């Protein structure tokens, strides 16, 4: 499951990795990093639902 999630979070912009060429999926997050990721997911999901709402109304 982890191997499928890593490209997904990179492609949708949830995370950018730990550097320009490195991604560290086993590294622990601090509060700021976790909050930033959750905020990015929230914005993506919200925009998706808003787009679908206006598409079908």
PDB file of N, CA and C in Angstrom:
ATOM      1  N   UNK A   1       0.821  -1.206   0.000  1.00  0.00           N
ATOM      2  CA  UNK A   1       0.000   0.000   0.000  1.00  0.00           C
ATOM      3  C   UNK A   1       0.853   1.254   0.000  1.00  0.00           C
ATOM      4  N   UNK A   2       1.942   1.264   0.759  1.00  0.00           N
ATOM      5  CA  UNK A   2       2.793   2.438   0.869  1.00  0.00           C
ATOM      6  C   UNK A   2       3.382   2.820  -0.488  1.00  0.00           C
ATOM      7  N   UNK A   3       3.754   1.838  -1.298  1.00  0.00           N
ATOM      8  CA  UNK A   3       4.346   2.129  -2.597  1.00  0.00           C
ATOM      9  C   UNK A   3       3.359   2.792  -3.538  1.00  0.00           C
ATOM     10  N   UNK A   4       2.064   2.547  -3.360  1.00  0.00           N
ATOM     11  CA  UNK A   4       1.050   3.177  -4.199  1.00  0.00           C
ATOM     12  C   UNK A   4       0.731   4.587  -3.727  1.00  0.00           C
ATOM     13  N   UNK A   5       0.865   4.840  -2.442  1.00  0.00           N
ATOM     14  CA  UNK A   5       0.524   6.150  -1.887  1.00  0.00           C
ATOM     15  C   UNK A   5       1.601   7.186  -2.173  1.00  0.00           C
ATOM     16  N   UNK A   6       2.854   6.790  -2.154  1.00  0.00           N
ATOM     17  CA  UNK A   6       3.958   7.731  -2.337  1.00  0.00           C
ATOM     18  C   UNK A   6       3.851   8.520  -3.643  1.00  0.00           C
ATOM     19  N   UNK A   7       3.680   7.879  -4.798  1.00  0.00           N
ATOM     20  CA  UNK A   7       3.543   8.677  -6.027  1.00  0.00           C
ATOM     21  C   UNK A   7       2.285   9.539  -6.018  1.00  0.00           C
ATOM     22  N   UNK A   8       1.223   9.060  -5.380  1.00  0.00           N
ATOM     23  CA  UNK A   8      -0.015   9.823  -5.326  1.00  0.00           C
ATOM     24  C   UNK A   8       0.170  11.136  -4.587  1.00  0.00           C
ATOM     25  N   UNK A   9       0.761  11.097  -3.395  1.00  0.00           N
ATOM     26  CA  UNK A   9       0.925  12.332  -2.625  1.00  0.00           C
ATOM     27  C   UNK A   9       1.892  13.293  -3.304  1.00  0.00           C
ATOM     28  N   UNK A  10       2.838  12.771  -4.042  1.00  0.00           N
ATOM     29  CA  UNK A  10       3.744  13.646  -4.794  1.00  0.00           C
ATOM     30  C   UNK A  10       3.019  14.275  -5.975  1.00  0.00           C
ATOM     31  N   UNK A  11       2.240  13.490  -6.700  1.00  0.00           N
ATOM     32  CA  UNK A  11       1.569  13.988  -7.902  1.00  0.00           C
ATOM     33  C   UNK A  11       0.477  15.001  -7.614  1.00  0.00           C
ATOM     34  N   UNK A  12      -0.243  14.826  -6.528  1.00  0.00           N
ATOM     35  CA  UNK A  12      -1.322  15.778  -6.245  1.00  0.00           C
ATOM     36  C   UNK A  12      -0.847  16.970  -5.424  1.00  0.00           C
ATOM     37  N   UNK A  13       0.421  16.979  -5.051  1.00  0.00           N
ATOM     38  CA  UNK A  13       0.981  18.147  -4.386  1.00  0.00           C
ATOM     39  C   UNK A  13       0.829  18.182  -2.878  1.00  0.00           C
ATOM     40  N   UNK A  14       0.560  17.046  -2.251  1.00  0.00           N
ATOM     41  CA  UNK A  14       0.445  17.022  -0.794  1.00  0.00           C
ATOM     42  C   UNK A  14       1.808  17.235  -0.159  1.00  0.00           C
ATOM     43  N   UNK A  15       2.831  16.650  -0.742  1.00  0.00           N
ATOM     44  CA  UNK A  15       4.188  16.825  -0.243  1.00  0.00           C
ATOM     45  C   UNK A  15       5.135  16.989  -1.415  1.00  0.00           C
ATOM     46  N   UNK A  16       6.256  17.598  -1.136  1.00  0.00           N
ATOM     47  CA  UNK A  16       7.260  17.812  -2.171  1.00  0.00           C
ATOM     48  C   UNK A  16       8.528  17.018  -1.916  1.00  0.00           C
ATOM     49  N   UNK A  17       8.577  16.282  -0.817  1.00  0.00           N
ATOM     50  CA  UNK A  17       9.787  15.562  -0.455  1.00  0.00           C
ATOM     51  C   UNK A  17      10.612  16.366   0.531  1.00  0.00           C
ATOM     52  N   UNK A  18      11.708  15.761   0.964  1.00  0.00           N
ATOM     53  CA  UNK A  18      12.552  16.426   1.954  1.00  0.00           C
ATOM     54  C   UNK A  18      13.613  17.304   1.325  1.00  0.00           C
ATOM     55  N   UNK A  19      13.853  17.103   0.049  1.00  0.00           N
ATOM     56  CA  UNK A  19      14.743  17.978  -0.711  1.00  0.00           C
ATOM     57  C   UNK A  19      14.339  17.884  -2.177  1.00  0.00           C
ATOM     58  N   UNK A  20      15.094  18.502  -3.033  1.00  0.00           N
ATOM     59  CA  UNK A  20      14.783  18.498  -4.462  1.00  0.00           C
ATOM     60  C   UNK A  20      14.827  17.089  -5.060  1.00  0.00           C
ATOM     61  N   UNK A  21      15.688  16.234  -4.528  1.00  0.00           N
ATOM     62  CA  UNK A  21      15.862  14.893  -5.092  1.00  0.00           C
ATOM     63  C   UNK A  21      15.577  13.767  -4.113  1.00  0.00           C
ATOM     64  N   UNK A  22      15.104  14.072  -2.909  1.00  0.00           N
ATOM     65  CA  UNK A  22      14.926  13.055  -1.875  1.00  0.00           C
ATOM     66  C   UNK A  22      13.499  13.056  -1.344  1.00  0.00           C
ATOM     67  N   UNK A  23      12.972  11.858  -1.150  1.00  0.00           N
ATOM     68  CA  UNK A  23      11.675  11.676  -0.488  1.00  0.00           C
ATOM     69  C   UNK A  23      11.903  10.702   0.657  1.00  0.00           C
ATOM     70  N   UNK A  24      11.493  11.055   1.862  1.00  0.00           N
ATOM     71  CA  UNK A  24      11.766  10.240   3.050  1.00  0.00           C
ATOM     72  C   UNK A  24      10.461   9.808   3.708  1.00  0.00           C
ATOM     73  N   UNK A  25       9.829   8.742   3.200  1.00  0.00           N
ATOM     74  CA  UNK A  25       8.525   8.349   3.726  1.00  0.00           C
ATOM     75  C   UNK A  25       8.547   7.816   5.153  1.00  0.00           C
ATOM     76  N   UNK A  26       9.688   7.387   5.651  1.00  0.00           N
ATOM     77  CA  UNK A  26       9.748   6.845   7.015  1.00  0.00           C
ATOM     78  C   UNK A  26      10.162   7.882   8.053  1.00  0.00           C
ATOM     79  N   UNK A  27      10.452   9.105   7.616  1.00  0.00           N
ATOM     80  CA  UNK A  27      10.840  10.162   8.533  1.00  0.00           C
ATOM     81  C   UNK A  27       9.615  10.669   9.302  1.00  0.00           C
ATOM     82  N   UNK A  28       9.778  10.945  10.590  1.00  0.00           N
ATOM     83  CA  UNK A  28       8.683  11.464  11.386  1.00  0.00           C
ATOM     84  C   UNK A  28       8.381  12.910  11.005  1.00  0.00           C
ATOM     85  N   UNK A  29       7.109  13.287  11.072  1.00  0.00           N
ATOM     86  CA  UNK A  29       6.682  14.648  10.771  1.00  0.00           C
ATOM     87  C   UNK A  29       6.629  15.472  12.044  1.00  0.00           C
ATOM     88  N   UNK A  30       6.860  16.766  11.902  1.00  0.00           N
ATOM     89  CA  UNK A  30       6.571  17.648  13.026  1.00  0.00           C
ATOM     90  C   UNK A  30       5.169  18.231  12.822  1.00  0.00           C
ATOM     91  N   UNK A  31       4.681  18.983  13.764  1.00  0.00           N
ATOM     92  CA  UNK A  31       3.310  19.520  13.683  1.00  0.00           C
ATOM     93  C   UNK A  31       3.100  20.404  12.468  1.00  0.00           C
ATOM     94  N   UNK A  32       4.080  21.219  12.179  1.00  0.00           N
ATOM     95  CA  UNK A  32       3.952  22.137  11.055  1.00  0.00           C
ATOM     96  C   UNK A  32       3.827  21.385   9.733  1.00  0.00           C
ATOM     97  N   UNK A  33       4.638  20.356   9.546  1.00  0.00           N
ATOM     98  CA  UNK A  33       4.582  19.564   8.312  1.00  0.00           C
ATOM     99  C   UNK A  33       3.245  18.838   8.187  1.00  0.00           C
ATOM    100  N   UNK A  34       2.771  18.257   9.279  1.00  0.00           N
ATOM    101  CA  UNK A  34       1.500  17.544   9.260  1.00  0.00           C
ATOM    102  C   UNK A  34       0.347  18.499   8.970  1.00  0.00           C
ATOM    103  N   UNK A  35       0.364  19.666   9.587  1.00  0.00           N
ATOM    104  CA  UNK A  35      -0.689  20.656   9.359  1.00  0.00           C
ATOM    105  C   UNK A  35      -0.682  21.136   7.901  1.00  0.00           C
ATOM    106  N   UNK A  36       0.501  21.331   7.347  1.00  0.00           N
ATOM    107  CA  UNK A  36       0.610  21.762   5.958  1.00  0.00           C
ATOM    108  C   UNK A  36       0.049  20.702   5.014  1.00  0.00           C
ATOM    109  N   UNK A  37       0.384  19.448   5.264  1.00  0.00           N
ATOM    110  CA  UNK A  37      -0.128  18.362   4.414  1.00  0.00           C
ATOM    111  C   UNK A  37      -1.643  18.243   4.524  1.00  0.00           C
ATOM    112  N   UNK A  38      -2.173  18.300   5.746  1.00  0.00           N
ATOM    113  CA  UNK A  38      -3.622  18.227   5.925  1.00  0.00           C
ATOM    114  C   UNK A  38      -4.329  19.400   5.259  1.00  0.00           C
ATOM    115  N   UNK A  39      -3.745  20.576   5.334  1.00  0.00           N
ATOM    116  CA  UNK A  39      -4.324  21.751   4.691  1.00  0.00           C
ATOM    117  C   UNK A  39      -4.347  21.582   3.174  1.00  0.00           C
ATOM    118  N   UNK A  40      -3.288  21.045   2.607  1.00  0.00           N
ATOM    119  CA  UNK A  40      -3.238  20.822   1.160  1.00  0.00           C
ATOM    120  C   UNK A  40      -4.279  19.802   0.719  1.00  0.00           C
ATOM    121  N   UNK A  41      -4.441  18.722   1.490  1.00  0.00           N
ATOM    122  CA  UNK A  41      -5.457  17.711   1.163  1.00  0.00           C
ATOM    123  C   UNK A  41      -6.846  18.323   1.263  1.00  0.00           C
ATOM    124  N   UNK A  42      -7.093  19.090   2.315  1.00  0.00           N
ATOM    125  CA  UNK A  42      -8.389  19.741   2.494  1.00  0.00           C
ATOM    126  C   UNK A  42      -8.724  20.640   1.306  1.00  0.00           C
ATOM    127  N   UNK A  43      -7.763  21.434   0.863  1.00  0.00           N
ATOM    128  CA  UNK A  43      -7.996  22.332  -0.275  1.00  0.00           C
ATOM    129  C   UNK A  43      -8.284  21.548  -1.550  1.00  0.00           C
ATOM    130  N   UNK A  44      -7.546  20.464  -1.781  1.00  0.00           N
ATOM    131  CA  UNK A  44      -7.759  19.646  -2.982  1.00  0.00           C
ATOM    132  C   UNK A  44      -9.155  19.030  -2.967  1.00  0.00           C
ATOM    133  N   UNK A  45      -9.552  18.458  -1.834  1.00  0.00           N
ATOM    134  CA  UNK A  45     -10.854  17.808  -1.733  1.00  0.00           C
ATOM    135  C   UNK A  45     -11.973  18.839  -1.848  1.00  0.00           C
ATOM    136  N   UNK A  46     -11.816  19.979  -1.198  1.00  0.00           N
ATOM    137  CA  UNK A  46     -12.827  21.031  -1.258  1.00  0.00           C
ATOM    138  C   UNK A  46     -13.011  21.526  -2.687  1.00  0.00           C
ATOM    139  N   UNK A  47     -11.933  21.764  -3.380  1.00  0.00           N
ATOM    140  CA  UNK A  47     -12.030  22.239  -4.765  1.00  0.00           C
ATOM    141  C   UNK A  47     -12.667  21.184  -5.664  1.00  0.00           C
ATOM    142  N   UNK A  48     -12.366  19.926  -5.418  1.00  0.00           N
ATOM    143  CA  UNK A  48     -12.971  18.840  -6.194  1.00  0.00           C
ATOM    144  C   UNK A  48     -14.482  18.823  -6.000  1.00  0.00           C
ATOM    145  N   UNK A  49     -14.934  18.896  -4.747  1.00  0.00           N
ATOM    146  CA  UNK A  49     -16.370  18.861  -4.486  1.00  0.00           C
ATOM    147  C   UNK A  49     -17.075  20.113  -5.012  1.00  0.00           C
ATOM    148  N   UNK A  50     -16.451  21.257  -4.921  1.00  0.00           N
ATOM    149  CA  UNK A  50     -17.047  22.473  -5.461  1.00  0.00           C
ATOM    150  C   UNK A  50     -17.180  22.343  -6.978  1.00  0.00           C
ATOM    151  N   UNK A  51     -16.142  21.834  -7.628  1.00  0.00           N
ATOM    152  CA  UNK A  51     -16.181  21.659  -9.081  1.00  0.00           C
ATOM    153  C   UNK A  51     -17.287  20.686  -9.484  1.00  0.00           C
ATOM    154  N   UNK A  52     -17.393  19.573  -8.758  1.00  0.00           N
ATOM    155  CA  UNK A  52     -18.441  18.592  -9.058  1.00  0.00           C
ATOM    156  C   UNK A  52     -19.830  19.169  -8.801  1.00  0.00           C
ATOM    157  N   UNK A  53     -19.967  19.961  -7.752  1.00  0.00           N
ATOM    158  CA  UNK A  53     -21.255  20.569  -7.441  1.00  0.00           C
ATOM    159  C   UNK A  53     -21.722  21.461  -8.591  1.00  0.00           C
ATOM    160  N   UNK A  54     -20.833  22.319  -9.077  1.00  0.00           N
ATOM    161  CA  UNK A  54     -21.226  23.219 -10.155  1.00  0.00           C
ATOM    162  C   UNK A  54     -21.367  22.498 -11.493  1.00  0.00           C
ATOM    163  N   UNK A  55     -20.696  21.396 -11.641  1.00  0.00           N
ATOM    164  CA  UNK A  55     -20.800  20.607 -12.867  1.00  0.00           C
ATOM    165  C   UNK A  55     -22.171  19.962 -12.971  1.00  0.00           C
ATOM    166  N   UNK A  56     -22.704  19.488 -11.846  1.00  0.00           N
ATOM    167  CA  UNK A  56     -23.959  18.745 -11.868  1.00  0.00           C
ATOM    168  C   UNK A  56     -25.162  19.549 -11.401  1.00  0.00           C
ATOM    169  N   UNK A  57     -25.018  20.850 -11.213  1.00  0.00           N
ATOM    170  CA  UNK A  57     -26.200  21.648 -10.830  1.00  0.00           C
ATOM    171  C   UNK A  57     -26.568  22.608 -11.912  1.00  0.00           C
TER     172      UNK A  57
END
